Amino acid sequence: MWRPGISGFLCERGNRRYPTDRDHQRQRPVKNAPSRGATSAPGYALRRRSPSRSSSWLTARSHPDRRAAEDAHDIVLEDYIATVDAAKERRDRLTVQIEKRLADWTLAPVVEALQALRGMAMVAAATIVAELGDISRFSKAEQLMSYLGLVPSEDSSGRRRRQGGITKAGNGAARRMLVEAAWSYRFPARISREQLLRQEQLTASVRAIAWKAQERLCLQYRKLSRAGKPITTVTTAIDYLLEQATKSL
């Protein structure tokens, strides 16, 4: 361990001695003086001037074990990058396959109508329709909520009624798509360029329903957030309203 001598100690301290009690008594406030925690540039430069430290760092940097560890880190990093690239290629390949299958699907109009909603791109809309099938078989939104496991759990006995978190007992894939779509309503209501392109082939009534639903959901999200509700509770409430908009389409 390197220990500085008396000259090195004075160099690190900027040739200053420790203040005594008399110095504190005679000290007066100075205008525009630096704060106590501030570090002067010359003193910082002097303290950083340690040839033994820099030489030891260079020695450790050029050590064979250090070079071997860096090579191993590069191998792991390249493997992570290759995994991400493979996942992207798989996503793009499956997206193309889904687009091809939509052309001959009887429920393709439903998928196109769902894409009018905010947060509903082609993959999310196709997943929801594939998991739910014919949405008209649910006569009420409460039935659809129960099927997706988005209803609150209940522990009641007699006159006592206690509700907890959602049951999550239904279709997990469709519920996950709705939850991901609900996050987009935390921003103000607007129609993005991508959403406008998705709505070009839709009727005016579908576009009107989608815009009305977006205004309502964005307003409800801000209202619940200002009330101090937990973010998970807000998202679940938006999911309920989003399912109602899905049925109305």
Protein backbone atom coordinates (compact mmCIF):
# COMPACT_ATOMS: atom_id res chain seq x y z
CA MET A 1 0.00 0.00 0.00
CA TRP A 2 1.43 3.37 -1.03
CA ARG A 3 1.71 5.95 1.75
CA PRO A 4 2.67 9.56 0.96
CA GLY A 5 5.54 11.21 2.78
CA ILE A 6 5.43 14.65 4.32
CA SER A 7 5.99 16.31 0.94
CA GLY A 8 3.23 14.24 -0.65
CA PHE A 9 0.89 15.04 2.24
CA LEU A 10 1.49 18.78 1.82
CA CYS A 11 1.03 18.44 -1.92
CA GLU A 12 -2.33 16.71 -1.47
CA ARG A 13 -3.53 19.30 1.00
CA GLY A 14 -2.41 22.21 -1.18
CA ASN A 15 0.27 23.30 1.35
CA ARG A 16 -2.43 24.15 3.86
CA ARG A 17 -2.39 23.40 7.55
CA TYR A 18 -5.35 22.31 9.65
CA PRO A 19 -7.34 25.25 11.10
CA THR A 20 -7.30 25.76 14.84
CA ASP A 21 -10.02 27.03 17.19
CA ARG A 22 -8.51 30.52 17.01
CA ASP A 23 -8.80 30.46 13.22
CA HIS A 24 -12.48 29.56 13.49
CA GLN A 25 -13.06 32.42 15.92
CA ARG A 26 -11.37 34.96 13.64
CA GLN A 27 -13.06 33.66 10.50
CA ARG A 28 -15.63 35.98 8.93
CA PRO A 29 -18.15 35.24 6.20
CA VAL A 30 -16.83 36.10 2.78
CA LYS A 31 -19.08 37.18 -0.04
CA ASN A 32 -19.36 34.71 -2.93
CA ALA A 33 -17.23 32.20 -1.06
CA PRO A 34 -17.37 28.56 -2.24
CA SER A 35 -19.34 26.07 -0.19
CA ARG A 36 -17.63 23.85 2.37
CA GLY A 37 -18.19 20.74 0.23
CA ALA A 38 -16.78 22.38 -2.93
CA THR A 39 -13.47 21.08 -4.26
CA SER A 40 -10.97 23.41 -5.86
CA ALA A 41 -9.63 22.42 -9.24
CA PRO A 42 -5.89 22.73 -8.34
CA GLY A 43 -6.32 20.65 -5.20
CA TYR A 44 -8.27 18.02 -7.12
CA ALA A 45 -5.58 17.89 -9.78
CA LEU A 46 -2.85 17.53 -7.15
CA ARG A 47 -4.73 14.76 -5.38
CA ARG A 48 -5.19 12.88 -8.65
CA ARG A 49 -1.47 13.13 -9.38
CA SER A 50 -0.24 9.79 -8.09
CA PRO A 51 2.23 7.98 -10.36
CA SER A 52 2.17 4.81 -8.28
CA ARG A 53 -1.62 4.52 -8.54
CA SER A 54 -1.68 5.04 -12.31
CA SER A 55 1.15 2.59 -12.85
CA SER A 56 -0.56 -0.04 -10.69
CA TRP A 57 -3.78 0.44 -12.65
CA LEU A 58 -1.93 -0.02 -15.94
CA THR A 59 -0.25 -3.10 -14.59
CA ALA A 60 -3.58 -4.62 -13.55
CA ARG A 61 -5.10 -3.66 -16.90
CA SER A 62 -2.41 -5.52 -18.84
CA HIS A 63 -2.46 -8.56 -16.56
CA PRO A 64 -3.26 -11.84 -18.41
CA ASP A 65 -6.10 -12.69 -16.02
CA ARG A 66 -7.66 -9.28 -16.63
CA ARG A 67 -7.45 -9.72 -20.41
CA ALA A 68 -9.00 -13.19 -20.14
CA ALA A 69 -11.88 -11.81 -18.06
CA GLU A 70 -12.52 -9.08 -20.64
CA ASP A 71 -12.56 -11.66 -23.44
CA ALA A 72 -15.13 -13.71 -21.50
CA HIS A 73 -17.29 -10.61 -21.02
CA ASP A 74 -17.15 -9.93 -24.77
CA ILE A 75 -18.28 -13.48 -25.50
CA VAL A 76 -21.25 -13.16 -23.12
CA LEU A 77 -22.19 -9.76 -24.56
CA GLU A 78 -22.09 -11.06 -28.13
CA ASP A 79 -24.28 -14.00 -27.09
CA TYR A 80 -26.84 -11.62 -25.53
CA ILE A 81 -26.88 -9.48 -28.69
CA ALA A 82 -27.35 -12.57 -30.86
CA THR A 83 -30.27 -13.66 -28.65
CA VAL A 84 -31.97 -10.28 -29.04
CA ASP A 85 -31.44 -10.31 -32.81
CA ALA A 86 -32.90 -13.82 -33.04
CA ALA A 87 -35.96 -12.73 -31.04
CA LYS A 88 -36.48 -9.75 -33.36
CA GLU A 89 -36.23 -11.95 -36.44
CA ARG A 90 -38.72 -14.40 -34.95
CA ARG A 91 -41.12 -11.56 -34.15
CA ASP A 92 -40.93 -10.17 -37.67
CA ARG A 93 -41.37 -13.62 -39.20
CA LEU A 94 -44.45 -14.40 -37.11
CA THR A 95 -45.94 -10.96 -37.81
CA VAL A 96 -45.71 -11.61 -41.55
CA GLN A 97 -47.35 -15.01 -41.10
CA ILE A 98 -50.23 -13.48 -39.10
CA GLU A 99 -50.81 -10.89 -41.82
CA LYS A 100 -50.99 -13.63 -44.44
CA ARG A 101 -53.49 -15.68 -42.43
CA LEU A 102 -55.78 -12.68 -41.81
CA ALA A 103 -56.71 -12.45 -45.49
CA ASP A 104 -58.64 -15.75 -45.42
CA TRP A 105 -59.99 -15.54 -41.85
CA THR A 106 -63.72 -15.05 -41.31
CA LEU A 107 -63.06 -12.85 -38.26
CA ALA A 108 -60.68 -10.54 -40.14
CA PRO A 109 -63.24 -7.64 -40.14
CA VAL A 110 -63.36 -7.83 -36.35
CA VAL A 111 -59.57 -7.60 -36.17
CA GLU A 112 -59.60 -4.56 -38.45
CA ALA A 113 -62.30 -2.89 -36.35
CA LEU A 114 -60.38 -3.47 -33.11
CA GLN A 115 -57.33 -1.77 -34.59
CA ALA A 116 -59.29 1.48 -34.59
CA LEU A 117 -58.84 1.59 -30.81
CA ARG A 118 -55.76 3.14 -29.29
CA GLY A 119 -53.13 0.62 -28.23
CA MET A 120 -54.56 -2.08 -30.51
CA ALA A 121 -52.18 -2.95 -33.30
CA MET A 122 -52.50 -5.93 -35.59
CA VAL A 123 -50.85 -8.50 -33.30
CA ALA A 124 -52.83 -7.45 -30.21
CA ALA A 125 -56.15 -7.37 -32.08
CA ALA A 126 -55.53 -10.74 -33.73
CA THR A 127 -54.55 -12.30 -30.41
CA ILE A 128 -57.70 -11.06 -28.66
CA VAL A 129 -60.00 -12.26 -31.44
CA ALA A 130 -58.23 -15.61 -31.67
CA GLU A 131 -58.58 -16.15 -27.91
CA LEU A 132 -62.16 -14.87 -27.54
CA GLY A 133 -63.66 -16.00 -30.83
CA ASP A 134 -67.06 -14.47 -31.51
CA ILE A 135 -67.29 -11.57 -29.03
CA SER A 136 -71.04 -11.27 -29.58
CA ARG A 137 -71.58 -14.47 -27.57
CA PHE A 138 -71.01 -12.36 -24.44
CA SER A 139 -74.28 -10.54 -23.82
CA LYS A 140 -72.81 -8.25 -21.16
CA ALA A 141 -69.42 -6.72 -20.49
CA GLU A 142 -69.42 -8.35 -17.04
CA GLN A 143 -69.45 -11.78 -18.66
CA LEU A 144 -66.45 -10.86 -20.80
CA MET A 145 -64.66 -9.50 -17.73
CA SER A 146 -65.28 -12.74 -15.87
CA TYR A 147 -64.07 -14.80 -18.81
CA LEU A 148 -60.81 -12.84 -18.83
CA GLY A 149 -60.34 -12.98 -15.06
CA LEU A 150 -60.59 -9.21 -14.60
CA VAL A 151 -63.31 -9.33 -11.95
CA PRO A 152 -62.38 -8.71 -8.28
CA SER A 153 -62.04 -11.66 -5.96
CA GLU A 154 -64.55 -11.80 -3.11
CA ASP A 155 -64.48 -13.17 0.43
CA SER A 156 -67.97 -12.58 1.82
CA SER A 157 -69.84 -14.12 4.71
CA GLY A 158 -73.29 -13.03 5.87
CA ARG A 159 -73.55 -9.27 5.80
CA ARG A 160 -69.79 -8.85 5.49
CA ARG A 161 -68.47 -8.32 1.97
CA ARG A 162 -64.78 -8.10 1.23
CA GLN A 163 -63.30 -7.73 -2.27
CA GLY A 164 -59.68 -8.22 -3.23
CA GLY A 165 -57.59 -8.17 -6.37
CA ILE A 166 -58.66 -9.55 -9.71
CA THR A 167 -59.01 -13.31 -9.95
CA LYS A 168 -56.82 -13.82 -13.05
CA ALA A 169 -58.73 -17.06 -13.56
CA GLY A 170 -59.62 -16.53 -17.20
CA ASN A 171 -57.79 -16.32 -20.49
CA GLY A 172 -54.31 -15.00 -19.74
CA ALA A 173 -53.24 -14.22 -23.31
CA ALA A 174 -56.21 -11.95 -24.08
CA ARG A 175 -55.99 -10.34 -20.62
CA ARG A 176 -52.32 -9.52 -21.19
CA MET A 177 -53.10 -7.84 -24.52
CA LEU A 178 -55.81 -5.70 -22.93
CA VAL A 179 -53.54 -4.68 -20.06
CA GLU A 180 -50.79 -3.66 -22.48
CA ALA A 181 -53.30 -1.64 -24.50
CA ALA A 182 -54.62 0.08 -21.37
CA TRP A 183 -51.21 1.63 -20.64
CA SER A 184 -51.44 3.80 -23.77
CA TYR A 185 -54.39 5.75 -22.31
CA ARG A 186 -52.24 7.48 -19.70
CA PHE A 187 -51.41 10.08 -22.39
CA PRO A 188 -53.84 12.75 -23.68
CA ALA A 189 -56.33 11.72 -26.33
CA ARG A 190 -55.02 12.02 -29.87
CA ILE A 191 -54.83 10.03 -33.10
CA SER A 192 -51.31 9.06 -34.07
CA ARG A 193 -50.14 8.59 -37.64
CA GLU A 194 -50.07 4.80 -37.27
CA GLN A 195 -53.61 4.77 -35.89
CA LEU A 196 -54.79 7.03 -38.71
CA LEU A 197 -53.37 4.63 -41.28
CA ARG A 198 -55.15 1.73 -39.62
CA GLN A 199 -58.47 3.59 -39.76
CA GLU A 200 -58.37 4.46 -43.45
CA GLN A 201 -60.42 1.45 -44.59
CA LEU A 202 -62.92 1.61 -41.70
CA THR A 203 -66.36 3.16 -41.71
CA ALA A 204 -67.12 6.52 -40.16
CA SER A 205 -69.24 4.97 -37.41
CA VAL A 206 -66.37 2.72 -36.27
CA ARG A 207 -63.95 5.66 -36.23
CA ALA A 208 -66.44 7.73 -34.22
CA ILE A 209 -66.85 4.96 -31.63
CA ALA A 210 -63.07 4.57 -31.35
CA TRP A 211 -62.53 8.31 -30.82
CA LYS A 212 -65.31 8.56 -28.25
CA ALA A 213 -63.86 5.58 -26.39
CA GLN A 214 -60.39 7.12 -26.43
CA GLU A 215 -61.62 10.41 -24.97
CA ARG A 216 -63.53 8.58 -22.25
CA LEU A 217 -60.66 6.26 -21.33
CA CYS A 218 -58.02 9.01 -21.23
CA LEU A 219 -60.27 11.16 -19.06
CA GLN A 220 -61.00 8.26 -16.72
CA TYR A 221 -57.31 7.41 -16.44
CA ARG A 222 -56.40 10.96 -15.39
CA LYS A 223 -59.34 11.16 -12.99
CA LEU A 224 -58.40 7.95 -11.18
CA SER A 225 -54.71 8.88 -11.10
CA ARG A 226 -55.49 12.27 -9.53
CA ALA A 227 -57.65 10.52 -6.93
CA GLY A 228 -54.54 8.66 -5.74
CA LYS A 229 -55.59 5.20 -6.87
CA PRO A 230 -52.82 2.60 -7.35
CA ILE A 231 -51.61 2.29 -10.90
CA THR A 232 -52.70 -1.35 -11.08
CA THR A 233 -56.22 -0.40 -10.01
CA VAL A 234 -56.33 2.35 -12.64
CA THR A 235 -55.17 -0.03 -15.36
CA THR A 236 -57.77 -2.64 -14.39
CA ALA A 237 -60.53 -0.03 -14.54
CA ILE A 238 -59.35 1.04 -17.99
CA ASP A 239 -59.41 -2.61 -19.06
CA TYR A 240 -63.08 -2.80 -18.07
CA LEU A 241 -63.96 0.27 -20.13
CA LEU A 242 -61.83 -0.98 -23.00
CA GLU A 243 -63.75 -4.23 -23.08
CA GLN A 244 -67.00 -2.28 -23.29
CA ALA A 245 -65.61 -0.38 -26.29
CA THR A 246 -64.53 -3.68 -27.82
CA LYS A 247 -68.06 -5.05 -27.61
CA SER A 248 -69.54 -1.87 -29.05
CA LEU A 249 -67.40 -2.22 -32.16
